[in-house]
Protein backbone atom coordinates (compact mmCIF):
# COMPACT_ATOMS: atom_id res chain seq x y z
CA MET A 1 92.08 145.05 29.07
CA ALA A 2 94.87 143.07 27.38
CA MET A 3 93.51 139.93 28.99
CA VAL A 4 90.32 140.32 26.94
CA THR A 5 91.38 142.23 23.82
CA ILE A 6 94.85 140.84 23.11
CA TYR A 7 95.09 137.42 24.74
CA GLY A 8 91.49 136.28 24.19
CA LEU A 9 91.03 135.15 27.79
CA ASP A 10 87.31 135.75 28.04
CA GLU A 11 84.43 133.33 27.52
CA LYS A 12 82.08 135.86 25.93
CA ILE A 13 84.62 137.38 23.52
CA GLY A 14 86.32 134.04 22.92
CA ASN A 15 89.77 133.18 21.66
CA VAL A 16 90.04 136.25 19.47
CA SER A 17 92.83 138.80 19.59
CA TYR A 18 92.06 142.39 18.71
CA TYR A 19 95.69 143.43 18.88
CA ASP A 20 96.46 146.16 16.38
CA SER A 21 100.17 145.93 15.58
CA GLN A 22 100.02 149.02 13.37
CA ASN A 23 98.52 151.27 16.03
CA GLN A 24 100.24 149.64 19.07
CA GLY A 25 97.54 150.93 21.42
CA TYR A 26 98.57 154.59 21.32
CA GLY A 27 95.91 155.90 18.97
CA PHE A 28 92.17 156.17 19.03
CA THR A 29 91.32 153.62 16.35
CA LYS A 30 90.26 150.10 17.19
CA PRO A 31 90.01 147.01 15.01
CA TYR A 32 86.47 146.11 16.17
CA SER A 33 82.93 147.48 16.06
CA GLU A 34 81.16 149.65 18.64
CA ASP A 35 79.03 146.66 19.66
CA THR A 36 82.15 144.59 20.28
CA ALA A 37 83.65 147.53 22.19
CA LYS A 38 80.60 147.56 24.49
CA ILE A 39 80.93 143.82 25.10
CA ILE A 40 84.66 144.23 25.83
CA ASP A 41 83.89 147.05 28.29
CA GLN A 42 81.25 144.91 30.02
CA GLU A 43 83.58 141.93 30.29
CA ILE A 44 86.43 144.04 31.64
CA LYS A 45 84.09 145.63 34.19
CA LYS A 46 82.90 142.16 35.23
CA ILE A 47 86.51 141.00 35.76
CA ILE A 48 87.37 144.12 37.76
CA ASP A 49 84.22 143.88 39.91
CA THR A 50 84.76 140.17 40.59
CA GLN A 51 88.39 140.64 41.58
CA TYR A 52 87.56 143.68 43.70
CA GLU A 53 85.04 141.62 45.68
CA ARG A 54 87.57 138.79 45.95
CA ALA A 55 90.20 141.21 47.30
CA LYS A 56 87.75 142.60 49.87
CA ALA A 57 86.86 139.08 51.02
CA ILE A 58 90.54 138.14 51.41
CA LEU A 59 91.24 141.33 53.38
CA LYS A 60 88.21 140.73 55.61
CA LYS A 61 89.21 137.10 56.19
CA HIS A 62 92.70 138.16 57.30
CA GLU A 63 91.73 141.39 59.06
CA ASP A 64 93.39 140.38 62.33
CA LYS A 65 96.67 139.69 60.54
CA LEU A 66 96.47 143.02 58.74
CA HIS A 67 96.14 144.75 62.11
CA GLN A 68 99.21 142.85 63.35
CA LEU A 69 101.07 144.01 60.24
CA ALA A 70 99.98 147.62 60.76
CA ASN A 71 101.13 147.50 64.39
CA LYS A 72 104.48 146.04 63.33
CA LEU A 73 104.92 148.87 60.82
CA LEU A 74 104.02 151.49 63.43
CA GLU A 75 106.51 149.89 65.81
CA SER A 76 109.51 149.51 63.51
CA GLU A 77 108.63 151.35 60.25
CA VAL A 78 110.41 148.61 58.30
CA ILE A 79 109.37 145.01 57.79
CA PHE A 80 111.18 142.07 56.32
CA LYS A 81 110.17 138.75 54.81
CA GLU A 82 110.59 137.07 58.18
CA ASP A 83 108.13 139.53 59.76
CA LEU A 84 105.54 138.72 57.10
CA GLU A 85 106.10 134.98 57.56
CA THR A 86 105.65 135.37 61.33
CA ILE A 87 102.31 137.11 60.82
CA PHE A 88 100.92 135.36 57.75
CA GLY A 89 102.92 132.13 57.65
CA LYS A 90 104.95 130.84 54.74
CA ARG A 91 103.36 131.05 51.33
CA PRO A 92 101.94 127.64 50.49
CA LEU A 93 103.03 127.88 46.87
CA GLU A 94 106.63 128.68 47.78
CA LYS A 95 107.34 125.17 49.05
CA GLU A 96 105.78 123.62 45.94
CA VAL A 97 107.73 125.86 43.55
CA MET A 98 111.02 125.28 45.35
CA SER A 99 110.56 121.51 45.30
CA LYS A 100 109.85 121.58 41.56
CA LYS A 101 113.03 123.56 40.87
CA ARG A 102 115.24 120.87 42.35
CA LEU A 103 115.95 117.79 40.27
CA LYS A 104 115.18 114.53 41.96
CA PRO A 105 118.07 112.02 42.08
CA GLN A 106 116.46 109.79 39.45
CA GLN A 107 116.18 112.76 37.07
CA LYS A 108 119.12 113.62 34.89
CA LEU A 109 119.77 116.62 32.74
CA PRO A 110 119.75 116.00 29.00
CA LYS A 111 123.31 115.50 27.67
CA ARG A 112 123.28 118.83 25.85
CA LEU A 113 122.74 120.65 29.17
CA ARG A 114 125.34 118.80 31.21
CA LYS A 115 128.68 120.43 31.95
CA LYS A 116 131.52 119.00 29.93
């Protein structure tokens, strides 16, 4: 809901935030009309339905690996990162993120960040 109502991350609603700093989300008042509330509900339902279908497709695509994981859990009751990497492989993003964290030799830290 925050994705649509607070952060404005929806094409239909647009870049509008309906965050109510006075109410902080704990009350029953809302800073928008009933028509806007219906649109927000529809957009949130669309996001949930789309991601639900995406999740089902991912699970179906990797069904054999999920069975391997289930068997591993039945066998040892505990799994570790290495077990997941054996079944699913390394996460593709992990290599990219790790390489970005390291400074390349030609890169230098700004003077204010260097140890003195």
